């Protein structure tokens, strides 16, 4: 199965990194009809205040006999530069090769500000502001039929995120919005890979705006968390909502996160429940 091959490739890709210092992160989400989304990254400290992270992602819409037609992948890299102790510059590039009738390149840059470390119980607050672009090509419609002409779309988006820890509570919030589309999105045209904040899952469509809130309560071993996301597809005048909840367990120097994510995978579908699993470890 394509899923098994992708998982094996991810493990083989990550294991050699155990020979050097870094941080490994792996997350996945699974649901009905074989839905699967996987993400992996390794963060290396290159010295000179620079962190480098190769990124990989895999997404399968359904478990069919023609599994190859229902799956796609993304590859990318992220660079973080600690310009000052209180300011970071972040740049990310992602490439989605042609698969199931879609193709994309995405790039963004942002600045992250840490105003102070601790003040009256508030610890490690941060504010991040970013801007980016996505360049998409859709060769099929929502029914999978070949389009007479490739639909090309360029969007320019902004996003902001902030958060802080207050005693054992940790709060994060994020807002992102597409400021401009190069072309109006016609009815029946979609895209295979859309992301919203704090979810491991991948959706289908063009998401114009999303607002997300995530809160957790940390202990030495177990950290429960929950979150709420409001988002809107470009072809819809009504909001959609997603919820997430779970536990983060800290053992043997690693973090294991398991939970559920409830969302609408496509604009025209009802909300469904999916199960997520994440692992993060220091090497």
Protein backbone atom coordinates (compact mmCIF):
# COMPACT_ATOMS: atom_id res chain seq x y z
CA UNK A 1 0.00 0.00 0.00
CA UNK A 2 1.06 3.55 -0.68
CA UNK A 3 0.48 4.43 2.98
CA UNK A 4 2.90 1.76 4.19
CA UNK A 5 5.53 2.82 1.65
CA UNK A 6 5.24 6.46 2.68
CA UNK A 7 5.54 5.57 6.36
CA UNK A 8 8.61 3.40 5.72
CA UNK A 9 10.27 6.13 3.66
CA UNK A 10 9.62 8.64 6.43
CA UNK A 11 11.22 6.40 9.06
CA UNK A 12 14.25 5.68 6.85
CA UNK A 13 14.59 9.40 6.18
CA UNK A 14 14.48 10.35 9.86
CA UNK A 15 16.68 7.59 11.35
CA UNK A 16 20.04 8.78 9.94
CA UNK A 17 19.40 12.11 11.65
CA UNK A 18 19.72 10.34 15.02
CA UNK A 19 23.47 10.43 14.45
CA UNK A 20 23.51 14.19 14.90
CA UNK A 21 21.98 16.68 17.31
CA UNK A 22 18.48 17.81 16.51
CA UNK A 23 14.79 17.48 17.17
CA UNK A 24 12.53 15.03 15.36
CA UNK A 25 8.81 15.67 14.99
CA UNK A 26 6.29 13.27 13.47
CA UNK A 27 2.50 13.73 13.34
CA UNK A 28 -0.32 11.84 11.69
CA UNK A 29 -4.10 11.79 11.54
CA UNK A 30 -6.37 8.96 10.40
CA UNK A 31 -10.09 8.63 9.72
CA UNK A 32 -12.81 6.89 7.80
CA UNK A 33 -12.42 5.50 4.27
CA UNK A 34 -8.66 5.29 4.68
CA UNK A 35 -8.09 9.03 5.15
CA UNK A 36 -4.48 9.60 6.29
CA UNK A 37 -2.21 12.61 6.64
CA UNK A 38 1.39 12.41 7.83
CA UNK A 39 4.02 15.08 8.50
CA UNK A 40 7.64 14.80 9.55
CA UNK A 41 10.48 17.21 10.24
CA UNK A 42 13.97 17.25 11.69
CA UNK A 43 15.44 20.44 13.17
CA UNK A 44 19.21 20.86 13.22
CA UNK A 45 21.18 23.55 15.00
CA UNK A 46 23.73 24.68 12.40
CA UNK A 47 25.44 27.13 14.73
CA UNK A 48 25.71 30.90 14.22
CA UNK A 49 22.14 31.15 15.61
CA UNK A 50 20.68 29.27 12.60
CA UNK A 51 18.20 26.36 12.75
CA UNK A 52 17.42 24.32 9.63
CA UNK A 53 14.47 21.95 9.20
CA UNK A 54 13.72 19.72 6.19
CA UNK A 55 9.97 19.03 5.96
CA UNK A 56 7.97 16.20 4.43
CA UNK A 57 4.22 15.55 4.24
CA UNK A 58 1.93 12.89 2.81
CA UNK A 59 -1.84 12.91 2.33
CA UNK A 60 -4.21 10.19 1.18
CA UNK A 61 -7.86 11.08 0.58
CA UNK A 62 -9.27 7.55 0.56
CA UNK A 63 -8.26 3.91 0.52
CA UNK A 64 -9.19 2.82 -2.99
CA UNK A 65 -7.86 0.18 -5.35
CA UNK A 66 -6.23 3.02 -7.30
CA UNK A 67 -4.51 4.35 -4.19
CA UNK A 68 -1.94 6.32 -6.17
CA UNK A 69 -4.73 8.54 -7.55
CA UNK A 70 -5.82 9.48 -4.05
CA UNK A 71 -2.48 10.51 -2.55
CA UNK A 72 -0.06 13.40 -2.80
CA UNK A 73 3.09 14.61 -1.02
CA UNK A 74 4.78 17.85 -0.03
CA UNK A 75 8.44 18.60 0.57
CA UNK A 76 10.02 21.70 2.00
CA UNK A 77 12.54 23.40 4.23
CA UNK A 78 12.49 26.03 6.95
CA UNK A 79 15.26 28.31 8.20
CA UNK A 80 15.09 30.10 11.56
CA UNK A 81 17.63 32.79 12.38
CA UNK A 82 17.93 34.17 15.92
CA UNK A 83 18.74 37.70 14.91
CA UNK A 84 18.54 38.87 18.51
CA UNK A 85 17.66 37.12 21.76
CA UNK A 86 14.23 38.68 21.41
CA UNK A 87 13.70 38.46 17.63
CA UNK A 88 13.63 35.58 15.12
CA UNK A 89 13.41 35.57 11.33
CA UNK A 90 11.67 32.54 9.80
CA UNK A 91 11.53 31.56 6.11
CA UNK A 92 9.70 28.50 4.72
CA UNK A 93 9.48 26.95 1.25
CA UNK A 94 7.17 24.05 0.29
CA UNK A 95 6.83 22.19 -3.00
CA UNK A 96 3.96 19.92 -3.94
CA UNK A 97 4.83 17.90 -7.07
CA UNK A 98 2.12 17.12 -9.59
CA UNK A 99 -0.24 14.40 -8.31
CA UNK A 100 -3.96 13.63 -8.66
CA UNK A 101 -4.31 16.67 -10.91
CA UNK A 102 -2.78 19.33 -8.64
CA UNK A 103 0.57 21.07 -8.15
CA UNK A 104 1.80 23.92 -5.92
CA UNK A 105 4.71 25.99 -4.60
CA UNK A 106 4.34 27.96 -1.36
CA UNK A 107 6.74 30.33 0.37
CA UNK A 108 6.46 32.68 3.33
CA UNK A 109 8.53 34.72 5.73
CA UNK A 110 7.82 36.04 9.21
CA UNK A 111 9.29 37.78 12.24
CA UNK A 112 8.74 36.44 15.76
CA UNK A 113 9.14 38.77 18.74
CA UNK A 114 9.73 37.73 22.37
CA UNK A 115 9.08 40.87 24.47
CA UNK A 116 10.26 39.37 27.79
CA UNK A 117 10.91 36.03 29.48
CA UNK A 118 8.90 36.33 32.72
CA UNK A 119 6.64 38.94 34.27
CA UNK A 120 4.03 38.46 37.04
CA UNK A 121 3.42 34.79 36.25
CA UNK A 122 3.44 35.31 32.46
CA UNK A 123 6.24 33.34 30.81
CA UNK A 124 7.71 33.31 27.30
CA UNK A 125 5.13 35.43 25.45
CA UNK A 126 5.61 35.78 21.70
CA UNK A 127 4.08 37.55 18.72
CA UNK A 128 4.66 36.48 15.11
CA UNK A 129 3.77 38.38 11.94
CA UNK A 130 4.19 36.86 8.48
CA UNK A 131 3.36 37.17 4.81
CA UNK A 132 3.45 34.56 2.06
CA UNK A 133 2.31 33.43 -1.36
CA UNK A 134 0.98 30.21 -2.82
CA UNK A 135 1.08 29.31 -6.52
CA UNK A 136 -1.40 26.57 -7.44
CA UNK A 137 -2.28 24.60 -10.55
CA UNK A 138 -5.53 22.61 -10.77
CA UNK A 139 -5.82 20.27 -13.76
CA UNK A 140 -9.07 18.55 -12.68
CA UNK A 141 -12.41 19.62 -11.25
CA UNK A 142 -13.95 18.48 -7.97
CA UNK A 143 -15.27 15.35 -9.73
CA UNK A 144 -11.76 14.40 -10.88
CA UNK A 145 -12.49 15.19 -14.52
CA UNK A 146 -9.74 16.77 -16.63
CA UNK A 147 -10.19 20.51 -17.16
CA UNK A 148 -10.04 21.86 -20.73
CA UNK A 149 -7.60 24.49 -19.46
CA UNK A 150 -5.35 24.37 -16.39
CA UNK A 151 -6.63 26.66 -13.65
CA UNK A 152 -3.80 28.73 -12.17
CA UNK A 153 -4.12 30.62 -8.91
CA UNK A 154 -1.77 32.85 -6.93
CA UNK A 155 -2.78 33.96 -3.45
CA UNK A 156 -1.10 36.47 -1.18
CA UNK A 157 -1.76 35.92 2.51
CA UNK A 158 -0.87 37.29 5.93
CA UNK A 159 -0.89 35.61 9.29
CA UNK A 160 -0.28 36.49 12.90
CA UNK A 161 0.17 34.33 15.96
CA UNK A 162 0.62 35.05 19.64
CA UNK A 163 0.88 33.08 22.82
CA UNK A 164 2.15 32.89 26.36
CA UNK A 165 2.34 30.62 29.38
CA UNK A 166 0.64 31.61 32.65
CA UNK A 167 1.70 29.31 35.47
CA UNK A 168 0.66 25.86 34.09
CA UNK A 169 -1.65 27.24 31.40
CA UNK A 170 -0.40 27.71 27.85
CA UNK A 171 -2.46 29.73 25.38
CA UNK A 172 -1.87 30.23 21.64
CA UNK A 173 -3.99 31.98 19.04
CA UNK A 174 -3.50 32.37 15.28
CA UNK A 175 -5.23 34.24 12.48
CA UNK A 176 -4.53 33.90 8.78
CA UNK A 177 -6.21 35.42 5.74
CA UNK A 178 -5.73 35.52 1.99
CA UNK A 179 -5.58 39.20 1.02
CA UNK A 180 -5.75 38.65 -2.73
CA UNK A 181 -6.45 35.92 -5.27
CA UNK A 182 -5.05 36.44 -8.76
CA UNK A 183 -8.19 34.82 -10.26
CA UNK A 184 -11.73 34.31 -8.97
CA UNK A 185 -12.19 30.63 -8.07
CA UNK A 186 -14.90 29.14 -10.35
CA UNK A 187 -17.53 26.74 -9.11
CA UNK A 188 -16.33 23.15 -9.33
CA UNK A 189 -12.63 24.03 -8.97
CA UNK A 190 -10.81 23.03 -5.79
CA UNK A 191 -7.35 22.13 -4.55
CA UNK A 192 -6.08 18.93 -2.96
CA UNK A 193 -4.18 20.35 0.03
CA UNK A 194 -5.40 23.03 2.45
CA UNK A 195 -4.16 23.59 6.00
CA UNK A 196 -5.64 25.34 9.02
CA UNK A 197 -3.81 26.21 12.27
CA UNK A 198 -3.09 23.60 14.96
CA UNK A 199 -4.53 20.65 13.01
CA UNK A 200 -2.38 17.81 11.71
CA UNK A 201 -5.12 17.08 9.17
CA UNK A 202 -5.16 18.17 5.54
CA UNK A 203 -8.32 19.49 3.87
CA UNK A 204 -9.44 20.06 0.30
CA UNK A 205 -10.27 23.48 -1.13
CA UNK A 206 -9.10 27.09 -1.00
CA UNK A 207 -9.33 28.36 2.59
CA UNK A 208 -9.69 32.14 2.57
CA UNK A 209 -9.54 32.82 6.32
CA UNK A 210 -8.99 30.95 9.58
CA UNK A 211 -8.95 31.89 13.27
CA UNK A 212 -7.71 29.37 15.83
CA UNK A 213 -7.32 29.12 19.61
CA UNK A 214 -5.44 26.39 21.49
CA UNK A 215 -5.13 26.02 25.26
CA UNK A 216 -3.28 23.41 27.33
CA UNK A 217 -2.59 22.74 31.00
CA UNK A 218 0.89 21.38 31.60
CA UNK A 219 2.14 18.98 34.25
CA UNK A 220 5.42 17.09 34.52
CA UNK A 221 3.99 14.02 32.74
CA UNK A 222 0.59 14.73 31.16
CA UNK A 223 -0.61 17.88 29.38
CA UNK A 224 -4.25 17.92 28.24
CA UNK A 225 -5.11 20.32 25.44
CA UNK A 226 -8.07 21.51 23.41
CA UNK A 227 -8.64 23.92 20.56
CA UNK A 228 -11.23 25.56 18.33
CA UNK A 229 -10.83 26.76 14.74
CA UNK A 230 -13.20 28.87 12.65
CA UNK A 231 -12.44 28.87 8.93
CA UNK A 232 -14.07 29.73 5.62
CA UNK A 233 -13.62 28.36 2.12
CA UNK A 234 -13.39 30.95 -0.65
CA UNK A 235 -16.51 29.61 -2.39
CA UNK A 236 -18.62 29.66 0.78
CA UNK A 237 -20.36 32.53 2.61
CA UNK A 238 -20.70 30.57 5.85
CA UNK A 239 -18.10 29.59 8.42
CA UNK A 240 -16.96 26.06 9.17
CA UNK A 241 -15.65 24.95 12.55
CA UNK A 242 -13.11 22.39 13.72
CA UNK A 243 -12.36 21.19 17.24
CA UNK A 244 -9.38 19.29 18.59
CA UNK A 245 -8.62 17.74 21.98
CA UNK A 246 -6.19 15.25 23.45
CA UNK A 247 -3.30 14.52 25.78
CA UNK A 248 0.42 15.18 25.52
CA UNK A 249 2.44 12.64 27.51
CA UNK A 250 6.11 13.37 28.36
CA UNK A 251 8.24 10.24 28.78
CA UNK A 252 11.93 9.39 28.32
CA UNK A 253 12.79 12.81 26.95
CA UNK A 254 10.10 12.65 24.27
CA UNK A 255 6.54 13.93 23.88
CA UNK A 256 3.72 11.67 22.67
CA UNK A 257 0.51 13.41 21.66
CA UNK A 258 -2.75 11.61 20.94
CA UNK A 259 -6.14 13.13 20.30
CA UNK A 260 -9.09 13.67 18.00
CA UNK A 261 -9.76 16.28 15.32
CA UNK A 262 -13.30 16.99 14.13
CA UNK A 263 -13.65 19.03 10.92
CA UNK A 264 -15.11 19.25 7.41
CA UNK A 265 -12.53 17.70 5.06
CA UNK A 266 -14.24 19.31 2.04
CA UNK A 267 -16.46 22.36 1.69
CA UNK A 268 -19.54 20.34 0.78
CA UNK A 269 -19.08 17.60 3.41
CA UNK A 270 -20.29 17.36 7.01
CA UNK A 271 -17.92 17.29 9.95
CA UNK A 272 -16.18 13.99 10.64
CA UNK A 273 -14.02 12.71 13.49
CA UNK A 274 -10.38 11.79 12.91
CA UNK A 275 -7.72 10.46 15.28
CA UNK A 276 -4.31 12.11 15.50
CA UNK A 277 -0.94 11.00 16.84
CA UNK A 278 2.25 13.04 17.21
CA UNK A 279 5.73 12.28 18.51
CA UNK A 280 8.49 14.76 19.26
CA UNK A 281 11.94 13.85 20.53
CA UNK A 282 15.29 15.49 21.22
CA UNK A 283 18.32 13.69 19.76
